[in-house]
Amino acid sequence: MKLKIKTGDTVRVVAGDHKGSEGKVVTVDLQKNKAIVEGVNMVSKHEKPSAKNPQGGIVKKEAPIHISNLSLIDGKSGETTRVGFEIRDGKKVRVSKKSNEVI
């Protein structure tokens, strides 16, 4: 399935506990249809001391969110928009449904 949200996009959470939060997409998992968004859905995780983290302890990190709970933010208006695909100049591009501009 072709996902409409990619790494580097700015998104808003539209459903769930973190509804209304905004952030930049860090990674996208195609198999699970989930994305990790910067600063959203933070969880506390206990880590053992290691060479990388000699102190160990409780670490805050982002957990994945399902793609269906995210909506792309239009760069022009700053509001959420749906995404469509069009062929322009012989290339398939993502297009904002609100402003009809290439993303």
N, C-alpha and C. Protein backbone atom coordinates (compact mmCIF):
# COMPACT_ATOMS: atom_id res chain seq x y z
N MET A 1 0.84 -1.18 0.00
CA MET A 1 0.00 0.00 0.00
C MET A 1 0.89 1.24 0.00
N LYS A 2 0.52 2.22 -0.78
CA LYS A 2 1.27 3.47 -0.86
C LYS A 2 0.83 4.38 0.29
N LEU A 3 1.79 4.79 1.12
CA LEU A 3 1.46 5.69 2.22
C LEU A 3 1.54 7.14 1.75
N LYS A 4 0.70 7.97 2.32
CA LYS A 4 0.65 9.37 1.92
C LYS A 4 1.46 10.26 2.85
N ILE A 5 2.00 9.69 3.92
CA ILE A 5 2.84 10.44 4.85
C ILE A 5 4.25 9.88 4.76
N LYS A 6 5.23 10.76 4.63
CA LYS A 6 6.62 10.34 4.48
C LYS A 6 7.50 10.98 5.53
N THR A 7 8.72 10.48 5.66
CA THR A 7 9.69 11.01 6.60
C THR A 7 9.96 12.48 6.28
N GLY A 8 9.94 13.32 7.31
CA GLY A 8 10.20 14.74 7.12
C GLY A 8 8.95 15.59 7.02
N ASP A 9 7.78 14.98 6.84
CA ASP A 9 6.53 15.74 6.77
C ASP A 9 6.15 16.26 8.16
N THR A 10 5.47 17.41 8.19
CA THR A 10 4.92 17.93 9.44
C THR A 10 3.48 17.46 9.52
N VAL A 11 3.14 16.82 10.65
CA VAL A 11 1.81 16.23 10.80
C VAL A 11 1.16 16.67 12.10
N ARG A 12 -0.17 16.50 12.16
CA ARG A 12 -0.93 16.75 13.38
C ARG A 12 -1.66 15.46 13.74
N VAL A 13 -1.69 15.13 15.04
CA VAL A 13 -2.41 13.95 15.51
C VAL A 13 -3.89 14.31 15.59
N VAL A 14 -4.75 13.52 14.91
CA VAL A 14 -6.18 13.84 14.84
C VAL A 14 -7.04 12.91 15.69
N ALA A 15 -6.43 11.89 16.32
CA ALA A 15 -7.21 10.98 17.15
C ALA A 15 -6.30 10.38 18.21
N GLY A 16 -6.89 10.00 19.33
CA GLY A 16 -6.13 9.34 20.38
C GLY A 16 -5.77 10.28 21.52
N ASP A 17 -4.92 9.79 22.42
CA ASP A 17 -4.54 10.53 23.63
C ASP A 17 -3.78 11.83 23.31
N HIS A 18 -3.06 11.86 22.21
CA HIS A 18 -2.22 13.02 21.87
C HIS A 18 -2.85 13.89 20.79
N LYS A 19 -4.18 13.88 20.71
CA LYS A 19 -4.90 14.64 19.69
C LYS A 19 -4.54 16.12 19.77
N GLY A 20 -4.24 16.71 18.61
CA GLY A 20 -3.90 18.12 18.54
C GLY A 20 -2.40 18.39 18.55
N SER A 21 -1.59 17.40 18.91
CA SER A 21 -0.14 17.58 18.94
C SER A 21 0.41 17.61 17.52
N GLU A 22 1.47 18.38 17.32
CA GLU A 22 2.10 18.49 16.02
C GLU A 22 3.57 18.12 16.12
N GLY A 23 4.12 17.63 15.04
CA GLY A 23 5.54 17.30 15.01
C GLY A 23 5.97 16.85 13.64
N LYS A 24 7.27 16.60 13.54
CA LYS A 24 7.86 16.17 12.28
C LYS A 24 8.02 14.65 12.30
N VAL A 25 7.72 13.99 11.19
CA VAL A 25 7.83 12.54 11.11
C VAL A 25 9.30 12.15 11.05
N VAL A 26 9.72 11.28 11.98
CA VAL A 26 11.11 10.84 12.04
C VAL A 26 11.30 9.59 11.19
N THR A 27 10.45 8.58 11.39
CA THR A 27 10.52 7.35 10.61
C THR A 27 9.11 6.85 10.32
N VAL A 28 9.01 6.03 9.27
CA VAL A 28 7.74 5.40 8.90
C VAL A 28 7.98 3.91 8.73
N ASP A 29 7.13 3.08 9.36
CA ASP A 29 7.22 1.62 9.24
C ASP A 29 6.12 1.16 8.28
N LEU A 30 6.51 0.72 7.09
CA LEU A 30 5.55 0.34 6.06
C LEU A 30 4.78 -0.93 6.41
N GLN A 31 5.44 -1.90 7.07
CA GLN A 31 4.78 -3.16 7.39
C GLN A 31 3.67 -2.97 8.43
N LYS A 32 3.92 -2.12 9.43
CA LYS A 32 2.96 -1.92 10.52
C LYS A 32 2.05 -0.71 10.31
N ASN A 33 2.30 0.09 9.25
CA ASN A 33 1.56 1.32 8.99
C ASN A 33 1.62 2.27 10.18
N LYS A 34 2.80 2.43 10.76
CA LYS A 34 2.99 3.31 11.90
C LYS A 34 4.13 4.28 11.62
N ALA A 35 4.09 5.41 12.32
CA ALA A 35 5.13 6.42 12.16
C ALA A 35 5.56 6.92 13.54
N ILE A 36 6.80 7.34 13.65
CA ILE A 36 7.30 7.96 14.86
C ILE A 36 7.36 9.46 14.60
N VAL A 37 6.67 10.23 15.46
CA VAL A 37 6.60 11.67 15.30
C VAL A 37 7.40 12.32 16.43
N GLU A 38 8.23 13.29 16.07
CA GLU A 38 9.11 13.97 17.00
C GLU A 38 8.34 14.67 18.10
N GLY A 39 8.60 14.32 19.36
CA GLY A 39 7.99 14.99 20.51
C GLY A 39 6.56 14.58 20.82
N VAL A 40 6.02 13.58 20.13
CA VAL A 40 4.64 13.16 20.35
C VAL A 40 4.63 11.70 20.79
N ASN A 41 3.69 11.33 21.66
CA ASN A 41 3.54 9.96 22.16
C ASN A 41 4.80 9.50 22.89
N MET A 42 5.27 10.32 23.83
CA MET A 42 6.47 10.01 24.61
C MET A 42 6.13 8.95 25.66
N VAL A 43 6.99 7.96 25.78
CA VAL A 43 6.84 6.91 26.78
C VAL A 43 8.11 6.84 27.61
N SER A 44 7.96 6.39 28.86
CA SER A 44 9.11 6.20 29.74
C SER A 44 9.55 4.75 29.63
N LYS A 45 10.85 4.54 29.46
CA LYS A 45 11.37 3.19 29.29
C LYS A 45 12.58 3.03 30.19
N HIS A 46 12.63 1.93 30.92
CA HIS A 46 13.78 1.67 31.77
C HIS A 46 14.89 1.03 30.95
N GLU A 47 16.13 1.55 31.10
CA GLU A 47 17.26 0.99 30.38
C GLU A 47 18.35 0.59 31.37
N LYS A 48 18.93 -0.57 31.10
CA LYS A 48 20.04 -1.03 31.92
C LYS A 48 21.28 -0.20 31.62
N PRO A 49 22.20 -0.05 32.57
CA PRO A 49 23.45 0.62 32.26
C PRO A 49 24.23 -0.13 31.18
N SER A 50 24.81 0.62 30.25
CA SER A 50 25.58 0.02 29.17
C SER A 50 26.75 0.95 28.85
N ALA A 51 27.55 0.56 27.87
CA ALA A 51 28.67 1.41 27.48
C ALA A 51 28.17 2.73 26.88
N LYS A 52 27.06 2.66 26.15
CA LYS A 52 26.49 3.86 25.54
C LYS A 52 25.85 4.76 26.59
N ASN A 53 25.18 4.15 27.57
CA ASN A 53 24.49 4.88 28.62
C ASN A 53 24.93 4.31 29.98
N PRO A 54 26.09 4.75 30.52
CA PRO A 54 26.62 4.14 31.75
C PRO A 54 25.74 4.38 32.98
N GLN A 55 24.94 5.44 32.98
CA GLN A 55 24.09 5.74 34.12
C GLN A 55 22.87 4.82 34.15
N GLY A 56 22.33 4.50 32.97
CA GLY A 56 21.10 3.70 32.93
C GLY A 56 19.92 4.53 33.39
N GLY A 57 18.86 3.89 33.87
CA GLY A 57 17.71 4.60 34.43
C GLY A 57 16.55 4.73 33.46
N ILE A 58 15.68 5.69 33.76
CA ILE A 58 14.46 5.87 32.99
C ILE A 58 14.73 6.86 31.85
N VAL A 59 14.36 6.46 30.64
CA VAL A 59 14.60 7.26 29.45
C VAL A 59 13.27 7.55 28.77
N LYS A 60 13.08 8.80 28.32
CA LYS A 60 11.87 9.17 27.57
C LYS A 60 12.17 9.02 26.08
N LYS A 61 11.27 8.35 25.35
CA LYS A 61 11.44 8.21 23.90
C LYS A 61 10.08 8.15 23.22
N GLU A 62 10.07 8.42 21.90
CA GLU A 62 8.82 8.44 21.15
C GLU A 62 8.39 7.02 20.79
N ALA A 63 7.10 6.78 20.90
CA ALA A 63 6.52 5.49 20.50
C ALA A 63 5.79 5.71 19.17
N PRO A 64 5.65 4.64 18.38
CA PRO A 64 4.97 4.79 17.08
C PRO A 64 3.47 5.07 17.22
N ILE A 65 2.93 5.80 16.23
CA ILE A 65 1.50 6.11 16.14
C ILE A 65 1.01 5.59 14.80
N HIS A 66 -0.21 5.06 14.77
CA HIS A 66 -0.76 4.54 13.52
C HIS A 66 -0.98 5.70 12.54
N ILE A 67 -0.71 5.42 11.27
CA ILE A 67 -0.81 6.43 10.21
C ILE A 67 -2.22 7.03 10.12
N SER A 68 -3.24 6.23 10.42
CA SER A 68 -4.62 6.72 10.30
C SER A 68 -4.92 7.81 11.32
N ASN A 69 -4.11 7.93 12.36
CA ASN A 69 -4.32 8.96 13.38
C ASN A 69 -3.54 10.24 13.09
N LEU A 70 -2.89 10.31 11.94
CA LEU A 70 -2.09 11.47 11.57
C LEU A 70 -2.68 12.15 10.34
N SER A 71 -2.55 13.47 10.30
CA SER A 71 -2.99 14.23 9.13
C SER A 71 -1.89 15.21 8.76
N LEU A 72 -1.60 15.30 7.48
CA LEU A 72 -0.55 16.18 6.98
C LEU A 72 -0.95 17.63 7.12
N ILE A 73 0.02 18.49 7.49
CA ILE A 73 -0.24 19.92 7.61
C ILE A 73 0.20 20.60 6.31
N ASP A 74 -0.72 21.38 5.72
CA ASP A 74 -0.44 22.11 4.49
C ASP A 74 0.55 23.23 4.79
N GLY A 75 1.63 23.30 4.01
CA GLY A 75 2.66 24.29 4.25
C GLY A 75 2.19 25.72 4.02
N LYS A 76 1.23 25.91 3.16
CA LYS A 76 0.76 27.26 2.82
C LYS A 76 -0.19 27.82 3.88
N SER A 77 -1.23 27.05 4.24
CA SER A 77 -2.25 27.55 5.15
C SER A 77 -2.00 27.16 6.61
N GLY A 78 -1.22 26.12 6.85
CA GLY A 78 -0.96 25.68 8.22
C GLY A 78 -2.07 24.82 8.80
N GLU A 79 -3.04 24.42 7.97
CA GLU A 79 -4.13 23.56 8.42
C GLU A 79 -3.92 22.14 7.88
N THR A 80 -4.65 21.19 8.47
CA THR A 80 -4.53 19.82 8.00
C THR A 80 -5.18 19.68 6.63
N THR A 81 -4.65 18.75 5.85
CA THR A 81 -5.16 18.53 4.50
C THR A 81 -5.07 17.06 4.15
N ARG A 82 -5.89 16.66 3.21
CA ARG A 82 -5.78 15.31 2.67
C ARG A 82 -4.77 15.33 1.54
N VAL A 83 -4.28 14.14 1.19
CA VAL A 83 -3.24 14.04 0.17
C VAL A 83 -3.75 13.19 -0.99
N GLY A 84 -3.47 13.65 -2.19
CA GLY A 84 -3.81 12.90 -3.39
C GLY A 84 -2.59 12.77 -4.27
N PHE A 85 -2.68 11.95 -5.30
CA PHE A 85 -1.57 11.77 -6.24
C PHE A 85 -2.02 12.22 -7.62
N GLU A 86 -1.14 12.93 -8.31
CA GLU A 86 -1.40 13.35 -9.68
C GLU A 86 -0.13 13.16 -10.49
N ILE A 87 -0.29 13.12 -11.79
CA ILE A 87 0.87 13.06 -12.67
C ILE A 87 1.05 14.45 -13.27
N ARG A 88 2.18 15.07 -12.94
CA ARG A 88 2.50 16.40 -13.44
C ARG A 88 3.88 16.35 -14.09
N ASP A 89 3.98 16.82 -15.30
CA ASP A 89 5.24 16.82 -16.07
C ASP A 89 5.82 15.41 -16.17
N GLY A 90 4.96 14.41 -16.28
CA GLY A 90 5.41 13.03 -16.44
C GLY A 90 5.84 12.35 -15.16
N LYS A 91 5.68 13.01 -14.00
CA LYS A 91 6.07 12.41 -12.73
C LYS A 91 4.87 12.34 -11.80
N LYS A 92 4.81 11.28 -11.00
CA LYS A 92 3.75 11.13 -10.02
C LYS A 92 4.15 11.90 -8.77
N VAL A 93 3.31 12.85 -8.35
CA VAL A 93 3.62 13.70 -7.21
C VAL A 93 2.47 13.70 -6.21
N ARG A 94 2.80 14.00 -4.95
CA ARG A 94 1.77 14.17 -3.92
C ARG A 94 1.23 15.59 -4.00
N VAL A 95 -0.11 15.72 -3.88
CA VAL A 95 -0.75 17.01 -4.02
C VAL A 95 -1.67 17.25 -2.81
N SER A 96 -1.63 18.46 -2.27
CA SER A 96 -2.52 18.86 -1.19
C SER A 96 -3.91 19.07 -1.75
N LYS A 97 -4.93 18.48 -1.13
CA LYS A 97 -6.30 18.61 -1.61
C LYS A 97 -6.87 20.02 -1.35
N LYS A 98 -6.39 20.71 -0.30
CA LYS A 98 -6.92 22.05 -0.01
C LYS A 98 -6.35 23.10 -0.95
N SER A 99 -5.03 23.14 -1.10
CA SER A 99 -4.40 24.20 -1.90
C SER A 99 -4.07 23.74 -3.32
N ASN A 100 -4.21 22.45 -3.59
CA ASN A 100 -3.93 21.87 -4.91
C ASN A 100 -2.49 22.14 -5.37
N GLU A 101 -1.55 22.16 -4.39
CA GLU A 101 -0.15 22.38 -4.69
C GLU A 101 0.66 21.12 -4.40
N VAL A 102 1.79 20.98 -5.05
CA VAL A 102 2.67 19.83 -4.84
C VAL A 102 3.29 19.92 -3.46
N ILE A 103 3.33 18.78 -2.77
CA ILE A 103 3.93 18.72 -1.43
C ILE A 103 5.39 18.36 -1.56
